[in-house]
N, C-alpha and C. Protein backbone atom coordinates (compact mmCIF):
# COMPACT_ATOMS: atom_id res chain seq x y z
N MET A 1 -16.04 -37.53 -13.15
CA MET A 1 -15.06 -38.42 -13.71
C MET A 1 -15.63 -39.15 -14.92
N ARG A 2 -16.10 -38.40 -15.88
CA ARG A 2 -16.68 -38.97 -17.09
C ARG A 2 -15.69 -39.81 -17.88
N TRP A 3 -14.40 -39.49 -17.75
CA TRP A 3 -13.40 -40.20 -18.53
C TRP A 3 -13.31 -41.67 -18.16
N ILE A 4 -13.67 -42.04 -16.93
CA ILE A 4 -13.66 -43.46 -16.57
C ILE A 4 -14.69 -44.20 -17.41
N GLY A 5 -15.89 -43.65 -17.50
CA GLY A 5 -16.92 -44.28 -18.32
C GLY A 5 -16.53 -44.34 -19.78
N LYS A 6 -15.89 -43.28 -20.26
CA LYS A 6 -15.45 -43.25 -21.65
C LYS A 6 -14.40 -44.34 -21.89
N ARG A 7 -13.50 -44.49 -20.95
CA ARG A 7 -12.45 -45.52 -21.06
C ARG A 7 -13.06 -46.91 -21.03
N ILE A 8 -14.02 -47.14 -20.16
CA ILE A 8 -14.69 -48.44 -20.08
C ILE A 8 -15.39 -48.74 -21.40
N ARG A 9 -16.10 -47.76 -21.95
CA ARG A 9 -16.78 -47.97 -23.23
C ARG A 9 -15.78 -48.29 -24.33
N GLU A 10 -14.68 -47.55 -24.36
CA GLU A 10 -13.65 -47.77 -25.37
C GLU A 10 -13.11 -49.21 -25.30
N LEU A 11 -12.79 -49.67 -24.11
CA LEU A 11 -12.26 -51.02 -23.95
C LEU A 11 -13.33 -52.08 -24.23
N ARG A 12 -14.56 -51.83 -23.80
CA ARG A 12 -15.65 -52.79 -24.03
C ARG A 12 -15.91 -52.94 -25.52
N GLU A 13 -15.98 -51.83 -26.23
CA GLU A 13 -16.24 -51.88 -27.67
C GLU A 13 -15.08 -52.52 -28.42
N ALA A 14 -13.84 -52.28 -27.97
CA ALA A 14 -12.68 -52.88 -28.62
C ALA A 14 -12.71 -54.41 -28.51
N ARG A 15 -13.41 -54.89 -27.49
CA ARG A 15 -13.52 -56.34 -27.28
C ARG A 15 -14.86 -56.90 -27.77
N ASN A 16 -15.66 -56.04 -28.37
CA ASN A 16 -16.99 -56.43 -28.88
C ASN A 16 -17.86 -57.05 -27.80
N LEU A 17 -17.80 -56.49 -26.61
CA LEU A 17 -18.63 -56.97 -25.50
C LEU A 17 -19.88 -56.11 -25.38
N PRO A 18 -21.05 -56.73 -25.27
CA PRO A 18 -22.26 -55.94 -25.04
C PRO A 18 -22.31 -55.49 -23.58
N ARG A 19 -23.06 -54.45 -23.32
CA ARG A 19 -23.17 -53.96 -21.93
C ARG A 19 -23.70 -55.04 -21.00
N ILE A 20 -24.57 -55.87 -21.50
CA ILE A 20 -25.18 -56.90 -20.66
C ILE A 20 -24.16 -57.91 -20.17
N ALA A 21 -23.00 -57.98 -20.83
CA ALA A 21 -21.93 -58.91 -20.41
C ALA A 21 -21.41 -58.57 -19.02
N PHE A 22 -21.70 -57.37 -18.54
CA PHE A 22 -21.26 -56.95 -17.22
C PHE A 22 -22.34 -57.14 -16.16
N GLY A 23 -23.47 -57.71 -16.56
CA GLY A 23 -24.52 -58.05 -15.61
C GLY A 23 -25.69 -57.10 -15.56
N ASN A 24 -25.48 -55.83 -15.87
CA ASN A 24 -26.56 -54.85 -15.76
C ASN A 24 -26.37 -53.80 -16.85
N HIS A 25 -27.13 -53.93 -17.90
CA HIS A 25 -27.04 -53.03 -19.05
C HIS A 25 -27.23 -51.58 -18.64
N ALA A 26 -28.25 -51.29 -17.84
CA ALA A 26 -28.57 -49.91 -17.45
C ALA A 26 -27.44 -49.31 -16.61
N TYR A 27 -26.88 -50.09 -15.71
CA TYR A 27 -25.78 -49.60 -14.87
C TYR A 27 -24.58 -49.21 -15.75
N VAL A 28 -24.21 -50.09 -16.68
CA VAL A 28 -23.06 -49.83 -17.54
C VAL A 28 -23.34 -48.62 -18.44
N TRP A 29 -24.57 -48.49 -18.92
CA TRP A 29 -24.91 -47.33 -19.75
C TRP A 29 -24.74 -46.04 -18.95
N ARG A 30 -25.24 -46.01 -17.71
CA ARG A 30 -25.09 -44.82 -16.86
C ARG A 30 -23.62 -44.53 -16.57
N LEU A 31 -22.86 -45.58 -16.36
CA LEU A 31 -21.43 -45.44 -16.10
C LEU A 31 -20.72 -44.87 -17.33
N GLU A 32 -20.97 -45.44 -18.50
CA GLU A 32 -20.31 -44.99 -19.73
C GLU A 32 -20.72 -43.59 -20.15
N SER A 33 -21.92 -43.20 -19.80
CA SER A 33 -22.40 -41.87 -20.18
C SER A 33 -21.99 -40.79 -19.16
N GLY A 34 -21.30 -41.19 -18.10
CA GLY A 34 -20.82 -40.23 -17.12
C GLY A 34 -21.84 -39.84 -16.07
N ARG A 35 -22.95 -40.53 -16.03
CA ARG A 35 -24.00 -40.23 -15.04
C ARG A 35 -23.74 -40.91 -13.70
N LEU A 36 -22.74 -41.77 -13.68
CA LEU A 36 -22.46 -42.57 -12.49
C LEU A 36 -20.95 -42.80 -12.40
N THR A 37 -20.41 -42.74 -11.20
CA THR A 37 -19.01 -43.07 -10.96
C THR A 37 -18.98 -44.35 -10.13
N PRO A 38 -18.26 -45.37 -10.62
CA PRO A 38 -18.27 -46.65 -9.92
C PRO A 38 -17.43 -46.63 -8.65
N ARG A 39 -17.84 -47.44 -7.69
CA ARG A 39 -17.03 -47.66 -6.50
C ARG A 39 -15.92 -48.64 -6.87
N LEU A 40 -14.88 -48.68 -6.08
CA LEU A 40 -13.71 -49.49 -6.37
C LEU A 40 -14.03 -50.97 -6.62
N PRO A 41 -14.85 -51.64 -5.79
CA PRO A 41 -15.13 -53.06 -6.06
C PRO A 41 -15.77 -53.28 -7.43
N LYS A 42 -16.67 -52.39 -7.82
CA LYS A 42 -17.31 -52.51 -9.14
C LYS A 42 -16.31 -52.25 -10.25
N LEU A 43 -15.43 -51.28 -10.05
CA LEU A 43 -14.39 -50.99 -11.02
C LEU A 43 -13.45 -52.18 -11.19
N GLU A 44 -13.13 -52.84 -10.10
CA GLU A 44 -12.29 -54.05 -10.16
C GLU A 44 -13.00 -55.15 -10.94
N HIS A 45 -14.30 -55.31 -10.72
CA HIS A 45 -15.09 -56.32 -11.44
C HIS A 45 -15.10 -56.02 -12.94
N ILE A 46 -15.29 -54.77 -13.30
CA ILE A 46 -15.32 -54.37 -14.71
C ILE A 46 -13.96 -54.60 -15.36
N ALA A 47 -12.89 -54.22 -14.67
CA ALA A 47 -11.54 -54.42 -15.20
C ALA A 47 -11.28 -55.91 -15.44
N LYS A 48 -11.69 -56.73 -14.48
CA LYS A 48 -11.50 -58.18 -14.63
C LYS A 48 -12.27 -58.71 -15.83
N ARG A 49 -13.50 -58.25 -15.99
CA ARG A 49 -14.33 -58.70 -17.12
C ARG A 49 -13.75 -58.25 -18.45
N LEU A 50 -13.10 -57.08 -18.45
CA LEU A 50 -12.46 -56.57 -19.67
C LEU A 50 -11.11 -57.24 -19.92
N GLY A 51 -10.59 -57.94 -18.90
CA GLY A 51 -9.30 -58.60 -19.04
C GLY A 51 -8.12 -57.66 -18.92
N VAL A 52 -8.30 -56.59 -18.14
CA VAL A 52 -7.22 -55.62 -17.94
C VAL A 52 -7.05 -55.36 -16.45
N GLY A 53 -5.93 -54.78 -16.09
CA GLY A 53 -5.71 -54.34 -14.71
C GLY A 53 -6.51 -53.07 -14.47
N ILE A 54 -6.80 -52.80 -13.24
CA ILE A 54 -7.60 -51.62 -12.91
C ILE A 54 -6.89 -50.34 -13.35
N GLY A 55 -5.57 -50.35 -13.34
CA GLY A 55 -4.81 -49.18 -13.78
C GLY A 55 -5.11 -48.80 -15.22
N ARG A 56 -5.42 -49.80 -16.05
CA ARG A 56 -5.72 -49.54 -17.46
C ARG A 56 -6.98 -48.69 -17.60
N LEU A 57 -7.88 -48.80 -16.64
CA LEU A 57 -9.11 -48.00 -16.68
C LEU A 57 -8.85 -46.56 -16.25
N LEU A 58 -7.76 -46.35 -15.55
CA LEU A 58 -7.50 -45.04 -14.96
C LEU A 58 -6.46 -44.22 -15.70
N VAL A 59 -5.92 -44.73 -16.81
CA VAL A 59 -4.88 -44.03 -17.56
C VAL A 59 -5.49 -42.97 -18.46
N THR A 60 -5.06 -41.73 -18.30
CA THR A 60 -5.50 -40.65 -19.18
C THR A 60 -4.31 -39.78 -19.53
N ASP A 61 -4.49 -38.99 -20.53
CA ASP A 61 -3.49 -38.00 -20.94
C ASP A 61 -4.06 -36.65 -20.54
N GLU A 62 -3.79 -36.24 -19.32
CA GLU A 62 -4.37 -35.00 -18.80
C GLU A 62 -3.87 -33.77 -19.55
N LYS A 63 -2.65 -33.81 -20.08
CA LYS A 63 -2.10 -32.67 -20.81
C LYS A 63 -2.97 -32.32 -22.01
N HIS A 64 -3.42 -33.33 -22.73
CA HIS A 64 -4.21 -33.09 -23.93
C HIS A 64 -5.70 -33.34 -23.72
N GLY A 65 -6.07 -33.84 -22.55
CA GLY A 65 -7.48 -34.00 -22.22
C GLY A 65 -8.16 -35.15 -22.95
N HIS A 66 -7.41 -36.16 -23.33
CA HIS A 66 -8.05 -37.32 -23.96
C HIS A 66 -7.44 -38.60 -23.41
N LEU A 67 -8.09 -39.69 -23.72
CA LEU A 67 -7.63 -40.98 -23.22
C LEU A 67 -6.46 -41.49 -24.03
N LEU A 68 -5.54 -42.14 -23.36
CA LEU A 68 -4.46 -42.81 -24.08
C LEU A 68 -5.02 -44.08 -24.69
N MET A 69 -4.65 -44.34 -25.90
CA MET A 69 -5.14 -45.52 -26.59
C MET A 69 -4.17 -46.68 -26.41
N MET A 70 -4.13 -47.21 -25.20
CA MET A 70 -3.20 -48.28 -24.90
C MET A 70 -3.52 -49.56 -25.68
N GLU A 71 -4.76 -49.72 -26.10
CA GLU A 71 -5.17 -50.92 -26.83
C GLU A 71 -5.04 -50.74 -28.34
N ASP A 72 -4.69 -49.58 -28.79
CA ASP A 72 -4.58 -49.33 -30.22
C ASP A 72 -3.56 -50.28 -30.84
N PRO A 73 -3.91 -50.98 -31.92
CA PRO A 73 -2.98 -51.93 -32.54
C PRO A 73 -1.66 -51.29 -32.97
N PHE A 74 -1.71 -50.04 -33.44
CA PHE A 74 -0.49 -49.36 -33.84
C PHE A 74 0.43 -49.15 -32.64
N VAL A 75 -0.15 -48.70 -31.53
CA VAL A 75 0.64 -48.46 -30.33
C VAL A 75 1.28 -49.77 -29.86
N LEU A 76 0.52 -50.84 -29.88
CA LEU A 76 1.07 -52.14 -29.46
C LEU A 76 2.18 -52.59 -30.40
N ALA A 77 2.01 -52.39 -31.70
CA ALA A 77 3.04 -52.78 -32.67
C ALA A 77 4.32 -51.97 -32.46
N VAL A 78 4.18 -50.66 -32.23
CA VAL A 78 5.35 -49.81 -31.99
C VAL A 78 6.05 -50.25 -30.71
N LYS A 79 5.28 -50.55 -29.70
CA LYS A 79 5.84 -50.99 -28.42
C LYS A 79 6.67 -52.26 -28.61
N LEU A 80 6.12 -53.23 -29.33
CA LEU A 80 6.85 -54.48 -29.59
C LEU A 80 8.10 -54.22 -30.43
N PHE A 81 7.97 -53.38 -31.44
CA PHE A 81 9.10 -53.04 -32.31
C PHE A 81 10.23 -52.42 -31.51
N MET A 82 9.90 -51.52 -30.61
CA MET A 82 10.91 -50.77 -29.88
C MET A 82 11.55 -51.55 -28.74
N TYR A 83 10.95 -52.64 -28.38
CA TYR A 83 11.42 -53.42 -27.22
C TYR A 83 12.90 -53.78 -27.32
N ASP A 84 13.35 -54.22 -28.49
CA ASP A 84 14.73 -54.68 -28.65
C ASP A 84 15.69 -53.61 -29.16
N LEU A 85 15.23 -52.39 -29.34
CA LEU A 85 16.10 -51.33 -29.84
C LEU A 85 16.99 -50.77 -28.73
N SER A 86 18.11 -50.23 -29.13
CA SER A 86 18.98 -49.53 -28.18
C SER A 86 18.29 -48.22 -27.78
N GLU A 87 18.78 -47.61 -26.72
CA GLU A 87 18.19 -46.34 -26.28
C GLU A 87 18.35 -45.26 -27.35
N ALA A 88 19.49 -45.25 -28.02
CA ALA A 88 19.72 -44.26 -29.09
C ALA A 88 18.72 -44.47 -30.23
N ASP A 89 18.48 -45.73 -30.61
CA ASP A 89 17.52 -46.01 -31.68
C ASP A 89 16.10 -45.66 -31.25
N LYS A 90 15.78 -45.91 -30.00
CA LYS A 90 14.44 -45.55 -29.50
C LYS A 90 14.23 -44.04 -29.59
N MET A 91 15.25 -43.28 -29.23
CA MET A 91 15.14 -41.82 -29.30
C MET A 91 14.96 -41.36 -30.74
N GLN A 92 15.65 -42.01 -31.66
CA GLN A 92 15.53 -41.66 -33.07
C GLN A 92 14.11 -41.92 -33.57
N VAL A 93 13.53 -43.07 -33.19
CA VAL A 93 12.16 -43.40 -33.58
C VAL A 93 11.20 -42.35 -33.01
N LEU A 94 11.39 -41.97 -31.76
CA LEU A 94 10.52 -40.97 -31.14
C LEU A 94 10.63 -39.62 -31.84
N LYS A 95 11.82 -39.26 -32.29
CA LYS A 95 11.98 -38.00 -33.03
C LYS A 95 11.21 -38.04 -34.35
N VAL A 96 11.29 -39.16 -35.04
CA VAL A 96 10.56 -39.31 -36.30
C VAL A 96 9.05 -39.23 -36.06
N LEU A 97 8.58 -39.92 -35.03
CA LEU A 97 7.15 -39.89 -34.71
C LEU A 97 6.71 -38.48 -34.32
N ALA A 98 7.53 -37.79 -33.56
CA ALA A 98 7.18 -36.43 -33.13
C ALA A 98 7.11 -35.47 -34.33
N ALA A 99 7.90 -35.73 -35.36
CA ALA A 99 7.92 -34.86 -36.53
C ALA A 99 6.79 -35.17 -37.53
N ALA A 100 6.12 -36.28 -37.33
CA ALA A 100 5.04 -36.67 -38.25
C ALA A 100 3.89 -35.67 -38.18
N PRO A 101 3.20 -35.46 -39.30
CA PRO A 101 2.07 -34.53 -39.30
C PRO A 101 0.97 -35.00 -38.33
N LYS A 102 0.39 -34.07 -37.64
CA LYS A 102 -0.68 -34.37 -36.69
C LYS A 102 -2.03 -34.30 -37.38
N LYS A 103 -2.95 -35.17 -36.97
CA LYS A 103 -4.29 -35.06 -37.54
C LYS A 103 -5.04 -33.94 -36.82
N ASP A 104 -5.97 -33.34 -37.53
CA ASP A 104 -6.73 -32.22 -36.97
C ASP A 104 -7.77 -32.65 -36.01
């Protein structure tokens, strides 16, 4: 389950937190590098320290094999923008986004 460590690193770096902020630099390094899978209580502690729910650590895009960027500023801005749109307008925005060129 290397993706859990990758997700933790992604969220930790987005918050500019050093590994030592979690109490044990070596443990977090092993976790982020995929050498260790945390038990649930430790995962809950890490999620709390990151200021997210435990579910945020477990979200992945299995279809494409990469992590969803739930913390990405663009994703958050689009989410806020779409909040007040009608369903028809939301679908139109999604069509435009789907038609946008993909990065390689």
